[in-house]
């Protein structure tokens, strides 16, 4: 990385953000990225609601660098977690990290619950990994496309590229409702990026 390369992109006003008073967490995130030689590139969209996906997901280190980027940018991203995990005091930590309890036994289904959350929230960036595992997979889970299309929001494509230690923010993708065509387009866009242990196959 060039010495004068920017560590982080500009923060748009409509991006969901954590309270400004959490200065220590932002400092911590930036410090971890800087010590690891990582940076975040691309342009963050100035919209309040979207579905954020990140790939390739091939290592536990993705969580370290991803969390560091989240803290450094101060953006308030949400993920779903099993409601059984929300016992005290773990529930306090999970909520602080942006995890929302989801009832897997609800007949409405996880995807429908996520659609309702995104659609009815004034601001929400909902994040998930389309591969669903660190292992190589031929088929990505289509939940992110269903959630985005159902909630009427775009998909923000982000990537890990380990050769130059970059977390990249790509373009917005607007699902058409054709799952097969949309998935093919998203997978093709991810083809150049290389995770710690593999690409997106």
N, C-alpha and C. Protein backbone atom coordinates (compact mmCIF):
# COMPACT_ATOMS: atom_id res chain seq x y z
N UNK A 1 0.84 -1.19 0.00
CA UNK A 1 0.00 0.00 0.00
C UNK A 1 0.88 1.24 0.00
N UNK A 2 0.55 2.22 -0.84
CA UNK A 2 1.32 3.45 -0.89
C UNK A 2 1.16 4.20 0.43
N UNK A 3 2.23 4.89 0.83
CA UNK A 3 2.21 5.58 2.12
C UNK A 3 1.14 6.65 2.19
N UNK A 4 0.82 7.26 1.05
CA UNK A 4 -0.16 8.35 1.05
C UNK A 4 -1.55 7.88 0.65
N UNK A 5 -1.75 6.55 0.54
CA UNK A 5 -3.06 6.03 0.15
C UNK A 5 -4.05 6.25 1.28
N UNK A 6 -5.28 6.70 0.98
CA UNK A 6 -6.27 6.91 2.04
C UNK A 6 -6.68 5.60 2.67
N UNK A 7 -6.81 5.60 3.99
CA UNK A 7 -7.17 4.39 4.71
C UNK A 7 -8.65 4.08 4.58
N UNK A 8 -9.48 5.12 4.51
CA UNK A 8 -10.93 4.95 4.50
C UNK A 8 -11.58 5.89 3.50
N UNK A 9 -12.72 5.48 2.93
CA UNK A 9 -13.46 6.39 2.05
C UNK A 9 -14.24 7.41 2.86
N UNK A 10 -14.80 8.39 2.16
CA UNK A 10 -15.61 9.41 2.82
C UNK A 10 -16.90 8.80 3.36
N UNK A 11 -17.39 9.34 4.46
CA UNK A 11 -18.60 8.85 5.10
C UNK A 11 -19.80 9.69 4.61
N UNK A 12 -20.74 9.10 3.90
CA UNK A 12 -21.91 9.85 3.42
C UNK A 12 -22.91 10.09 4.55
N UNK A 13 -23.64 11.19 4.53
CA UNK A 13 -24.52 11.54 5.65
C UNK A 13 -25.69 10.60 5.88
N UNK A 14 -26.19 9.94 4.84
CA UNK A 14 -27.35 9.06 5.01
C UNK A 14 -26.99 7.62 5.36
N UNK A 15 -25.71 7.32 5.45
CA UNK A 15 -25.30 5.99 5.88
C UNK A 15 -25.60 5.84 7.36
N UNK A 16 -26.23 4.74 7.78
CA UNK A 16 -26.49 4.55 9.22
C UNK A 16 -25.17 4.53 9.99
N UNK A 17 -25.09 5.33 11.06
CA UNK A 17 -23.85 5.45 11.82
C UNK A 17 -24.11 5.26 13.31
N UNK A 18 -23.08 4.77 14.00
CA UNK A 18 -23.16 4.66 15.45
C UNK A 18 -22.97 6.05 16.04
N UNK A 19 -23.35 6.26 17.30
CA UNK A 19 -23.17 7.58 17.91
C UNK A 19 -21.74 8.08 17.83
N UNK A 20 -21.61 9.36 17.56
CA UNK A 20 -20.27 9.96 17.39
C UNK A 20 -19.43 9.85 18.66
N UNK A 21 -20.06 9.66 19.81
CA UNK A 21 -19.30 9.59 21.06
C UNK A 21 -18.42 8.34 21.15
N UNK A 22 -18.66 7.37 20.30
CA UNK A 22 -17.86 6.14 20.35
C UNK A 22 -16.54 6.35 19.62
N UNK A 23 -15.79 7.32 20.07
CA UNK A 23 -14.53 7.66 19.40
C UNK A 23 -13.47 6.59 19.60
N UNK A 24 -13.49 5.94 20.76
CA UNK A 24 -12.47 4.91 21.01
C UNK A 24 -12.61 3.76 20.02
N UNK A 25 -13.86 3.34 19.75
CA UNK A 25 -14.04 2.21 18.83
C UNK A 25 -13.59 2.58 17.42
N UNK A 26 -13.80 3.82 17.02
CA UNK A 26 -13.34 4.24 15.69
C UNK A 26 -11.82 4.26 15.64
N UNK A 27 -11.22 4.77 16.71
CA UNK A 27 -9.76 4.77 16.79
C UNK A 27 -9.22 3.35 16.76
N UNK A 28 -9.87 2.45 17.50
CA UNK A 28 -9.43 1.06 17.55
C UNK A 28 -9.50 0.41 16.16
N UNK A 29 -10.61 0.62 15.46
CA UNK A 29 -10.76 0.04 14.13
C UNK A 29 -9.70 0.54 13.17
N UNK A 30 -9.44 1.83 13.19
CA UNK A 30 -8.43 2.40 12.30
C UNK A 30 -7.03 1.90 12.64
N UNK A 31 -6.79 1.74 13.93
CA UNK A 31 -5.47 1.25 14.37
C UNK A 31 -5.25 -0.18 13.90
N UNK A 32 -6.26 -1.03 14.05
CA UNK A 32 -6.14 -2.43 13.61
C UNK A 32 -5.89 -2.49 12.10
N UNK A 33 -6.64 -1.71 11.34
CA UNK A 33 -6.44 -1.70 9.89
C UNK A 33 -5.03 -1.22 9.53
N UNK A 34 -4.60 -0.17 10.18
CA UNK A 34 -3.28 0.39 9.86
C UNK A 34 -2.17 -0.58 10.22
N UNK A 35 -2.26 -1.20 11.39
CA UNK A 35 -1.23 -2.15 11.80
C UNK A 35 -1.20 -3.38 10.90
N UNK A 36 -2.37 -3.78 10.40
CA UNK A 36 -2.44 -4.92 9.51
C UNK A 36 -2.12 -4.59 8.07
N UNK A 37 -1.98 -3.30 7.76
CA UNK A 37 -1.68 -2.89 6.39
C UNK A 37 -2.89 -2.88 5.48
N UNK A 38 -4.11 -2.84 6.08
CA UNK A 38 -5.34 -2.89 5.30
C UNK A 38 -5.92 -1.50 5.08
N UNK A 39 -6.73 -1.39 4.04
CA UNK A 39 -7.47 -0.15 3.78
C UNK A 39 -8.82 -0.50 3.17
N UNK A 40 -9.71 0.46 3.20
CA UNK A 40 -11.03 0.32 2.59
C UNK A 40 -11.11 1.26 1.41
N UNK A 41 -11.46 0.74 0.24
CA UNK A 41 -11.52 1.56 -0.96
C UNK A 41 -12.92 1.54 -1.56
N UNK A 42 -13.17 2.49 -2.44
CA UNK A 42 -14.47 2.57 -3.09
C UNK A 42 -15.31 3.69 -2.50
N UNK A 43 -16.49 3.85 -3.06
CA UNK A 43 -17.39 4.92 -2.63
C UNK A 43 -18.60 4.35 -1.91
N UNK A 44 -18.79 4.77 -0.67
CA UNK A 44 -19.95 4.34 0.10
C UNK A 44 -21.19 5.09 -0.39
N UNK A 45 -22.28 4.40 -0.68
CA UNK A 45 -23.47 5.07 -1.21
C UNK A 45 -24.19 5.88 -0.14
N UNK A 46 -24.75 6.98 -0.55
CA UNK A 46 -25.44 7.88 0.38
C UNK A 46 -26.93 7.53 0.42
N UNK A 47 -27.23 6.33 0.87
CA UNK A 47 -28.62 5.89 1.00
C UNK A 47 -28.81 5.22 2.36
N UNK A 48 -30.00 5.30 2.94
CA UNK A 48 -30.21 4.81 4.30
C UNK A 48 -30.47 3.32 4.44
N UNK A 49 -30.94 2.64 3.38
CA UNK A 49 -31.31 1.23 3.50
C UNK A 49 -30.75 0.42 2.34
N UNK A 50 -30.12 -0.69 2.66
CA UNK A 50 -29.62 -1.59 1.62
C UNK A 50 -29.25 -2.93 2.24
N UNK A 51 -28.94 -3.89 1.38
CA UNK A 51 -28.40 -5.18 1.80
C UNK A 51 -26.92 -5.21 1.40
N UNK A 52 -26.06 -5.47 2.36
CA UNK A 52 -24.62 -5.49 2.14
C UNK A 52 -24.12 -6.93 2.14
N UNK A 53 -23.42 -7.32 1.08
CA UNK A 53 -22.82 -8.65 1.04
C UNK A 53 -21.31 -8.51 0.93
N UNK A 54 -20.59 -9.53 1.46
CA UNK A 54 -19.13 -9.52 1.41
C UNK A 54 -18.63 -10.90 1.03
N UNK A 55 -17.68 -10.95 0.11
CA UNK A 55 -17.08 -12.20 -0.36
C UNK A 55 -15.71 -11.86 -0.97
N UNK A 56 -14.81 -12.82 -1.17
CA UNK A 56 -14.88 -14.20 -0.73
C UNK A 56 -14.72 -14.29 0.80
N UNK A 57 -15.43 -15.24 1.39
CA UNK A 57 -15.33 -15.48 2.82
C UNK A 57 -14.64 -16.82 3.01
N UNK A 58 -13.32 -16.77 3.22
CA UNK A 58 -12.54 -18.02 3.24
C UNK A 58 -11.73 -18.19 4.51
N UNK A 59 -11.85 -17.26 5.48
CA UNK A 59 -11.01 -17.33 6.67
C UNK A 59 -11.67 -16.60 7.82
N UNK A 60 -11.35 -17.03 9.04
CA UNK A 60 -11.82 -16.30 10.21
C UNK A 60 -11.24 -14.89 10.27
N UNK A 61 -10.12 -14.67 9.59
CA UNK A 61 -9.53 -13.34 9.56
C UNK A 61 -10.45 -12.32 8.87
N UNK A 62 -11.34 -12.80 8.00
CA UNK A 62 -12.28 -11.89 7.35
C UNK A 62 -13.09 -11.14 8.41
N UNK A 63 -13.47 -11.85 9.47
CA UNK A 63 -14.24 -11.23 10.53
C UNK A 63 -13.44 -10.16 11.26
N UNK A 64 -12.15 -10.41 11.44
CA UNK A 64 -11.29 -9.43 12.12
C UNK A 64 -11.20 -8.15 11.31
N UNK A 65 -10.85 -8.29 10.02
CA UNK A 65 -10.68 -7.09 9.19
C UNK A 65 -12.03 -6.42 8.90
N UNK A 66 -13.08 -7.24 8.74
CA UNK A 66 -14.40 -6.67 8.52
C UNK A 66 -14.89 -5.88 9.72
N UNK A 67 -14.70 -6.42 10.93
CA UNK A 67 -15.11 -5.72 12.14
C UNK A 67 -14.28 -4.46 12.33
N UNK A 68 -12.98 -4.53 12.02
CA UNK A 68 -12.13 -3.34 12.13
C UNK A 68 -12.62 -2.24 11.19
N UNK A 69 -13.01 -2.62 9.97
CA UNK A 69 -13.53 -1.64 9.02
C UNK A 69 -14.84 -1.04 9.52
N UNK A 70 -15.71 -1.88 10.07
CA UNK A 70 -16.98 -1.41 10.62
C UNK A 70 -16.75 -0.38 11.73
N UNK A 71 -15.83 -0.71 12.64
CA UNK A 71 -15.54 0.22 13.74
C UNK A 71 -14.91 1.51 13.22
N UNK A 72 -13.96 1.35 12.30
CA UNK A 72 -13.25 2.52 11.79
C UNK A 72 -14.17 3.49 11.06
N UNK A 73 -15.09 2.94 10.27
CA UNK A 73 -16.02 3.77 9.52
C UNK A 73 -17.16 4.29 10.39
N UNK A 74 -17.43 3.59 11.49
CA UNK A 74 -18.52 3.99 12.36
C UNK A 74 -19.88 3.73 11.77
N UNK A 75 -19.97 2.81 10.81
CA UNK A 75 -21.29 2.56 10.25
C UNK A 75 -22.03 1.50 11.04
N UNK A 76 -23.33 1.67 11.09
CA UNK A 76 -24.19 0.82 11.90
C UNK A 76 -24.78 -0.25 11.00
N UNK A 77 -24.09 -1.40 10.91
CA UNK A 77 -24.55 -2.48 10.06
C UNK A 77 -25.22 -3.53 10.94
N UNK A 78 -26.27 -4.16 10.43
CA UNK A 78 -27.04 -5.13 11.20
C UNK A 78 -26.95 -6.52 10.60
N UNK A 79 -26.93 -7.51 11.47
CA UNK A 79 -26.98 -8.91 11.05
C UNK A 79 -28.01 -9.62 11.93
N UNK A 80 -28.48 -10.76 11.45
CA UNK A 80 -29.42 -11.55 12.23
C UNK A 80 -28.69 -12.66 12.98
N UNK A 81 -29.14 -12.94 14.20
CA UNK A 81 -28.59 -14.02 14.99
C UNK A 81 -29.70 -14.81 15.65
N UNK A 82 -29.44 -16.08 15.93
CA UNK A 82 -30.45 -16.92 16.56
C UNK A 82 -30.88 -16.33 17.90
N UNK A 83 -32.17 -16.31 18.16
CA UNK A 83 -32.66 -15.73 19.41
C UNK A 83 -32.15 -16.49 20.64
N UNK A 84 -31.76 -17.76 20.46
CA UNK A 84 -31.24 -18.55 21.58
C UNK A 84 -29.90 -18.02 22.09
N UNK A 85 -29.22 -17.19 21.28
CA UNK A 85 -27.95 -16.62 21.71
C UNK A 85 -28.13 -15.42 22.62
N UNK A 86 -29.35 -14.91 22.69
CA UNK A 86 -29.57 -13.66 23.41
C UNK A 86 -29.88 -13.91 24.88
N UNK A 87 -28.88 -14.44 25.58
CA UNK A 87 -28.98 -14.58 27.02
C UNK A 87 -28.01 -13.60 27.65
N UNK A 88 -28.38 -13.13 28.84
CA UNK A 88 -27.56 -12.14 29.52
C UNK A 88 -26.30 -12.80 30.08
N UNK A 89 -25.10 -12.18 29.96
CA UNK A 89 -24.84 -10.84 29.42
C UNK A 89 -24.46 -10.81 27.95
N UNK A 90 -24.43 -11.99 27.27
CA UNK A 90 -24.03 -12.02 25.87
C UNK A 90 -24.95 -11.14 25.02
N UNK A 91 -26.21 -11.05 25.39
CA UNK A 91 -27.16 -10.25 24.61
C UNK A 91 -26.74 -8.79 24.53
N UNK A 92 -26.12 -8.29 25.58
CA UNK A 92 -25.68 -6.88 25.59
C UNK A 92 -24.60 -6.67 24.54
N UNK A 93 -23.65 -7.62 24.50
CA UNK A 93 -22.55 -7.53 23.53
C UNK A 93 -23.08 -7.66 22.11
N UNK A 94 -23.98 -8.61 21.88
CA UNK A 94 -24.52 -8.85 20.54
C UNK A 94 -25.26 -7.62 20.03
N UNK A 95 -26.09 -7.04 20.86
CA UNK A 95 -26.84 -5.85 20.43
C UNK A 95 -25.90 -4.69 20.15
N UNK A 96 -24.85 -4.58 20.93
CA UNK A 96 -23.87 -3.51 20.72
C UNK A 96 -23.17 -3.68 19.37
N UNK A 97 -23.02 -4.93 18.96
CA UNK A 97 -22.36 -5.21 17.68
C UNK A 97 -23.32 -5.17 16.49
N UNK A 98 -24.60 -4.91 16.75
CA UNK A 98 -25.56 -4.79 15.66
C UNK A 98 -26.29 -6.07 15.31
N UNK A 99 -26.26 -7.07 16.20
CA UNK A 99 -26.94 -8.33 15.93
C UNK A 99 -28.40 -8.23 16.39
N UNK A 100 -29.31 -8.66 15.53
CA UNK A 100 -30.73 -8.63 15.81
C UNK A 100 -31.21 -10.07 15.99
N UNK A 101 -31.97 -10.32 17.06
CA UNK A 101 -32.47 -11.67 17.32
C UNK A 101 -33.53 -12.05 16.29
N UNK A 102 -33.42 -13.27 15.77
CA UNK A 102 -34.40 -13.78 14.81
C UNK A 102 -34.93 -15.12 15.32
N UNK A 103 -36.21 -15.32 15.20
CA UNK A 103 -36.86 -16.55 15.63
C UNK A 103 -36.91 -17.52 14.46
N UNK A 104 -36.03 -18.53 14.47
CA UNK A 104 -35.98 -19.49 13.37
C UNK A 104 -37.20 -20.38 13.32
N UNK A 105 -37.95 -20.44 14.42
CA UNK A 105 -39.17 -21.23 14.44
C UNK A 105 -40.38 -20.48 13.97
N UNK A 106 -40.23 -19.20 13.69
CA UNK A 106 -41.34 -18.37 13.24
C UNK A 106 -41.79 -18.83 11.85
N UNK A 107 -43.10 -19.13 11.68
CA UNK A 107 -43.57 -19.60 10.36
C UNK A 107 -43.38 -18.57 9.25
N UNK A 108 -43.16 -17.32 9.64
CA UNK A 108 -42.92 -16.28 8.64
C UNK A 108 -41.61 -16.52 7.89
N UNK A 109 -40.64 -17.22 8.53
CA UNK A 109 -39.37 -17.52 7.88
C UNK A 109 -38.35 -16.42 8.09
N UNK A 110 -37.07 -16.81 8.07
CA UNK A 110 -35.99 -15.86 8.32
C UNK A 110 -35.94 -14.78 7.24
N UNK A 111 -36.07 -15.19 5.98
CA UNK A 111 -36.01 -14.20 4.88
C UNK A 111 -37.13 -13.18 5.01
N UNK A 112 -38.32 -13.65 5.31
CA UNK A 112 -39.45 -12.73 5.45
C UNK A 112 -39.27 -11.80 6.65
N UNK A 113 -38.71 -12.33 7.73
CA UNK A 113 -38.44 -11.47 8.88
C UNK A 113 -37.42 -10.39 8.53
N UNK A 114 -36.40 -10.78 7.77
CA UNK A 114 -35.38 -9.81 7.35
C UNK A 114 -35.97 -8.76 6.42
N UNK A 115 -36.81 -9.20 5.49
CA UNK A 115 -37.46 -8.25 4.58
C UNK A 115 -38.25 -7.21 5.36
N UNK A 116 -39.01 -7.68 6.35
CA UNK A 116 -39.84 -6.77 7.14
C UNK A 116 -38.97 -5.79 7.93
N UNK A 117 -37.87 -6.27 8.48
CA UNK A 117 -36.98 -5.39 9.23
C UNK A 117 -36.39 -4.29 8.35
N UNK A 118 -35.90 -4.69 7.18
CA UNK A 118 -35.28 -3.71 6.28
C UNK A 118 -36.32 -2.74 5.74
N UNK A 119 -37.47 -3.27 5.35
CA UNK A 119 -38.51 -2.44 4.74
C UNK A 119 -39.08 -1.41 5.70
N UNK A 120 -39.20 -1.76 6.98
CA UNK A 120 -39.86 -0.88 7.95
C UNK A 120 -38.88 -0.01 8.74
N UNK A 121 -37.59 -0.20 8.56
CA UNK A 121 -36.61 0.60 9.29
C UNK A 121 -36.29 1.88 8.52
N UNK A 122 -36.23 3.02 9.19
CA UNK A 122 -35.86 4.25 8.49
C UNK A 122 -34.43 4.22 7.97
N UNK A 123 -33.56 3.52 8.72
CA UNK A 123 -32.17 3.35 8.30
C UNK A 123 -31.71 1.95 8.68
N UNK A 124 -31.26 1.20 7.71
CA UNK A 124 -30.68 -0.12 8.01
C UNK A 124 -29.82 -0.61 6.86
N UNK A 125 -28.57 -0.92 7.19
CA UNK A 125 -27.70 -1.65 6.29
C UNK A 125 -27.62 -3.06 6.85
N UNK A 126 -28.23 -4.00 6.15
CA UNK A 126 -28.31 -5.38 6.60
C UNK A 126 -27.22 -6.19 5.89
N UNK A 127 -26.37 -6.87 6.66
CA UNK A 127 -25.19 -7.53 6.08
C UNK A 127 -25.23 -9.04 6.23
N UNK A 128 -24.67 -9.73 5.24
CA UNK A 128 -24.52 -11.18 5.30
C UNK A 128 -23.48 -11.63 4.28
N UNK A 129 -23.00 -12.86 4.45
CA UNK A 129 -22.07 -13.45 3.49
C UNK A 129 -22.85 -14.43 2.62
N UNK A 130 -22.89 -14.21 1.32
CA UNK A 130 -23.71 -15.06 0.46
C UNK A 130 -23.22 -16.50 0.37
N UNK A 131 -21.96 -16.73 0.67
CA UNK A 131 -21.45 -18.11 0.64
C UNK A 131 -21.94 -18.91 1.84
N UNK A 132 -22.14 -18.24 2.97
CA UNK A 132 -22.68 -18.90 4.15
C UNK A 132 -21.70 -19.77 4.90
N UNK A 133 -20.46 -19.87 4.43
CA UNK A 133 -19.45 -20.72 5.05
C UNK A 133 -18.08 -20.30 4.54
N UNK A 134 -17.03 -20.70 5.28
CA UNK A 134 -15.67 -20.41 4.82
C UNK A 134 -15.20 -21.41 3.78
N UNK A 135 -15.89 -22.54 3.65
CA UNK A 135 -15.49 -23.57 2.70
C UNK A 135 -15.91 -23.19 1.28
N UNK A 136 -15.21 -23.70 0.27
CA UNK A 136 -15.62 -23.43 -1.12
C UNK A 136 -17.01 -23.99 -1.39
N UNK A 137 -17.85 -23.19 -2.02
CA UNK A 137 -19.20 -23.64 -2.37
C UNK A 137 -19.47 -23.28 -3.83
N UNK A 138 -20.19 -24.16 -4.51
CA UNK A 138 -20.57 -23.89 -5.90
C UNK A 138 -21.81 -23.02 -5.97
N UNK A 139 -22.70 -23.19 -5.01
CA UNK A 139 -23.96 -22.46 -5.02
C UNK A 139 -23.99 -21.46 -3.87
N UNK A 140 -24.18 -20.18 -4.17
CA UNK A 140 -24.36 -19.18 -3.13
C UNK A 140 -25.81 -19.19 -2.67
N UNK A 141 -26.02 -18.82 -1.42
CA UNK A 141 -27.38 -18.72 -0.89
C UNK A 141 -28.04 -17.48 -1.50
N UNK A 142 -29.29 -17.62 -1.93
CA UNK A 142 -29.97 -16.53 -2.64
C UNK A 142 -30.75 -15.61 -1.71
N UNK A 143 -30.62 -15.82 -0.39
CA UNK A 143 -31.38 -15.01 0.56
C UNK A 143 -31.15 -13.52 0.41
N UNK A 144 -29.91 -13.11 0.11
CA UNK A 144 -29.63 -11.68 0.00
C UNK A 144 -30.40 -11.04 -1.15
N UNK A 145 -30.56 -11.78 -2.25
CA UNK A 145 -31.32 -11.25 -3.38
C UNK A 145 -32.81 -11.19 -3.05
N UNK A 146 -33.32 -12.20 -2.36
CA UNK A 146 -34.73 -12.22 -1.99
C UNK A 146 -35.05 -11.09 -1.01
N UNK A 147 -34.14 -10.87 -0.06
CA UNK A 147 -34.36 -9.81 0.93
C UNK A 147 -34.34 -8.45 0.26
N UNK A 148 -33.33 -8.20 -0.57
CA UNK A 148 -33.22 -6.90 -1.24
C UNK A 148 -34.42 -6.63 -2.15
N UNK A 149 -34.80 -7.64 -2.94
CA UNK A 149 -35.93 -7.46 -3.86
C UNK A 149 -37.23 -7.27 -3.09
N UNK A 150 -37.42 -8.07 -2.03
CA UNK A 150 -38.64 -7.97 -1.25
C UNK A 150 -38.77 -6.66 -0.51
N UNK A 151 -37.64 -6.12 -0.06
CA UNK A 151 -37.65 -4.86 0.69
C UNK A 151 -37.55 -3.65 -0.22
N UNK A 152 -37.30 -3.88 -1.51
CA UNK A 152 -37.19 -2.77 -2.45
C UNK A 152 -35.94 -1.93 -2.27
N UNK A 153 -34.81 -2.61 -1.94
CA UNK A 153 -33.55 -1.90 -1.74
C UNK A 153 -32.46 -2.55 -2.60
N UNK A 154 -31.37 -1.82 -2.86
CA UNK A 154 -30.28 -2.41 -3.65
C UNK A 154 -29.35 -3.25 -2.79
N UNK A 155 -28.47 -3.98 -3.47
CA UNK A 155 -27.41 -4.76 -2.83
C UNK A 155 -26.09 -4.01 -3.01
N UNK A 156 -25.38 -3.80 -1.90
CA UNK A 156 -24.06 -3.21 -1.97
C UNK A 156 -23.04 -4.34 -1.93
N UNK A 157 -22.23 -4.46 -2.96
CA UNK A 157 -21.27 -5.55 -3.07
C UNK A 157 -19.91 -5.10 -2.54
N UNK A 158 -19.44 -5.79 -1.50
CA UNK A 158 -18.12 -5.51 -0.93
C UNK A 158 -17.27 -6.77 -1.04
N UNK A 159 -15.96 -6.60 -1.04
CA UNK A 159 -15.09 -7.75 -1.24
C UNK A 159 -13.83 -7.65 -0.38
N UNK A 160 -13.26 -8.81 -0.10
CA UNK A 160 -11.93 -8.92 0.50
C UNK A 160 -10.96 -9.29 -0.62
N UNK A 161 -9.87 -8.55 -0.71
CA UNK A 161 -8.84 -8.90 -1.69
C UNK A 161 -7.51 -8.94 -0.95
N UNK A 162 -7.09 -10.15 -0.57
CA UNK A 162 -5.92 -10.31 0.29
C UNK A 162 -4.59 -9.96 -0.38
N UNK A 163 -4.42 -10.16 -1.69
CA UNK A 163 -3.11 -9.84 -2.27
C UNK A 163 -2.65 -8.41 -2.01
N UNK A 164 -3.58 -7.44 -1.99
CA UNK A 164 -3.16 -6.08 -1.66
C UNK A 164 -3.85 -5.55 -0.40
N UNK A 165 -4.38 -6.46 0.42
CA UNK A 165 -4.98 -6.12 1.71
C UNK A 165 -6.01 -5.00 1.60
N UNK A 166 -6.99 -5.28 0.79
CA UNK A 166 -8.03 -4.29 0.52
C UNK A 166 -9.41 -4.86 0.82
N UNK A 167 -10.21 -4.05 1.49
CA UNK A 167 -11.65 -4.29 1.56
C UNK A 167 -12.27 -3.29 0.61
N UNK A 168 -12.88 -3.78 -0.44
CA UNK A 168 -13.39 -2.90 -1.48
C UNK A 168 -14.90 -2.76 -1.43
N UNK A 169 -15.35 -1.57 -1.73
CA UNK A 169 -16.78 -1.29 -1.84
C UNK A 169 -17.10 -1.13 -3.32
N UNK A 170 -17.95 -2.01 -3.82
CA UNK A 170 -18.28 -2.00 -5.23
C UNK A 170 -19.54 -1.23 -5.53
N UNK A 171 -20.13 -1.47 -6.69
CA UNK A 171 -21.33 -0.74 -7.10
C UNK A 171 -22.58 -1.31 -6.43
N UNK A 172 -23.65 -0.54 -6.51
CA UNK A 172 -24.96 -1.02 -6.07
C UNK A 172 -25.54 -1.92 -7.15
N UNK A 173 -26.13 -3.02 -6.73
CA UNK A 173 -26.79 -3.94 -7.66
C UNK A 173 -28.28 -3.94 -7.33
N UNK A 174 -29.10 -3.72 -8.34
CA UNK A 174 -30.54 -3.67 -8.16
C UNK A 174 -31.17 -4.96 -8.67
N UNK A 175 -31.61 -5.84 -7.76
CA UNK A 175 -32.17 -7.14 -8.19
C UNK A 175 -33.40 -6.96 -9.07
N UNK A 176 -33.50 -7.83 -10.08
CA UNK A 176 -34.62 -7.77 -11.02
C UNK A 176 -35.77 -8.67 -10.60
N UNK A 177 -35.47 -9.61 -9.69
CA UNK A 177 -36.46 -10.62 -9.34
C UNK A 177 -36.18 -11.95 -10.03
N UNK A 178 -35.32 -11.94 -11.04
CA UNK A 178 -34.89 -13.16 -11.71
C UNK A 178 -33.67 -13.68 -10.95
N UNK A 179 -33.88 -14.61 -10.03
CA UNK A 179 -32.80 -15.06 -9.15
C UNK A 179 -31.61 -15.63 -9.91
N UNK A 180 -31.88 -16.41 -10.94
CA UNK A 180 -30.79 -17.06 -11.67
C UNK A 180 -29.93 -16.03 -12.39
N UNK A 181 -30.57 -15.09 -13.08
CA UNK A 181 -29.81 -14.07 -13.82
C UNK A 181 -29.09 -13.13 -12.86
N UNK A 182 -29.77 -12.75 -11.79
CA UNK A 182 -29.15 -11.83 -10.84
C UNK A 182 -27.94 -12.47 -10.17
N UNK A 183 -28.08 -13.74 -9.78
CA UNK A 183 -26.97 -14.42 -9.13
C UNK A 183 -25.78 -14.55 -10.08
N UNK A 184 -26.04 -14.85 -11.33
CA UNK A 184 -24.96 -14.98 -12.31
C UNK A 184 -24.21 -13.65 -12.45
N UNK A 185 -24.94 -12.55 -12.47
CA UNK A 185 -24.32 -11.23 -12.61
C UNK A 185 -23.46 -10.89 -11.40
N UNK A 186 -23.97 -11.19 -10.21
CA UNK A 186 -23.23 -10.91 -8.98
C UNK A 186 -21.97 -11.78 -8.91
N UNK A 187 -22.11 -13.06 -9.21
CA UNK A 187 -20.96 -13.97 -9.17
C UNK A 187 -19.88 -13.54 -10.16
N UNK A 188 -20.29 -13.10 -11.33
CA UNK A 188 -19.33 -12.65 -12.34
C UNK A 188 -18.55 -11.43 -11.84
N UNK A 189 -19.25 -10.51 -11.16
CA UNK A 189 -18.57 -9.32 -10.65
C UNK A 189 -17.51 -9.69 -9.62
N UNK A 190 -17.75 -10.71 -8.83
CA UNK A 190 -16.82 -11.11 -7.78
C UNK A 190 -15.63 -11.92 -8.29
N UNK A 191 -15.64 -12.30 -9.53
CA UNK A 191 -14.62 -13.22 -10.05
C UNK A 191 -13.18 -12.75 -9.81
N UNK A 192 -12.82 -11.46 -9.93
CA UNK A 192 -11.41 -11.07 -9.80
C UNK A 192 -10.85 -11.11 -8.38
N UNK A 193 -11.71 -11.12 -7.37
CA UNK A 193 -11.22 -10.91 -6.01
C UNK A 193 -10.78 -12.20 -5.34
N UNK A 194 -9.71 -12.10 -4.57
CA UNK A 194 -9.10 -13.28 -3.97
C UNK A 194 -9.09 -13.16 -2.44
N UNK A 195 -9.72 -14.13 -1.77
CA UNK A 195 -9.71 -14.16 -0.31
C UNK A 195 -8.39 -14.72 0.20
N UNK A 196 -8.31 -14.92 1.50
CA UNK A 196 -7.07 -15.42 2.09
C UNK A 196 -6.72 -16.81 1.58
N UNK A 197 -7.74 -17.66 1.40
CA UNK A 197 -7.48 -19.05 1.01
C UNK A 197 -8.01 -19.43 -0.38
N UNK A 198 -8.79 -18.56 -0.99
CA UNK A 198 -9.37 -18.90 -2.29
C UNK A 198 -10.11 -17.69 -2.85
N UNK A 199 -10.57 -17.87 -4.11
CA UNK A 199 -11.45 -16.90 -4.71
C UNK A 199 -12.91 -17.32 -4.45
N UNK A 200 -13.81 -16.91 -5.33
CA UNK A 200 -15.22 -17.23 -5.11
C UNK A 200 -15.67 -18.47 -5.87
N UNK A 201 -14.78 -19.17 -6.55
CA UNK A 201 -15.03 -20.38 -7.34
C UNK A 201 -16.27 -20.27 -8.24
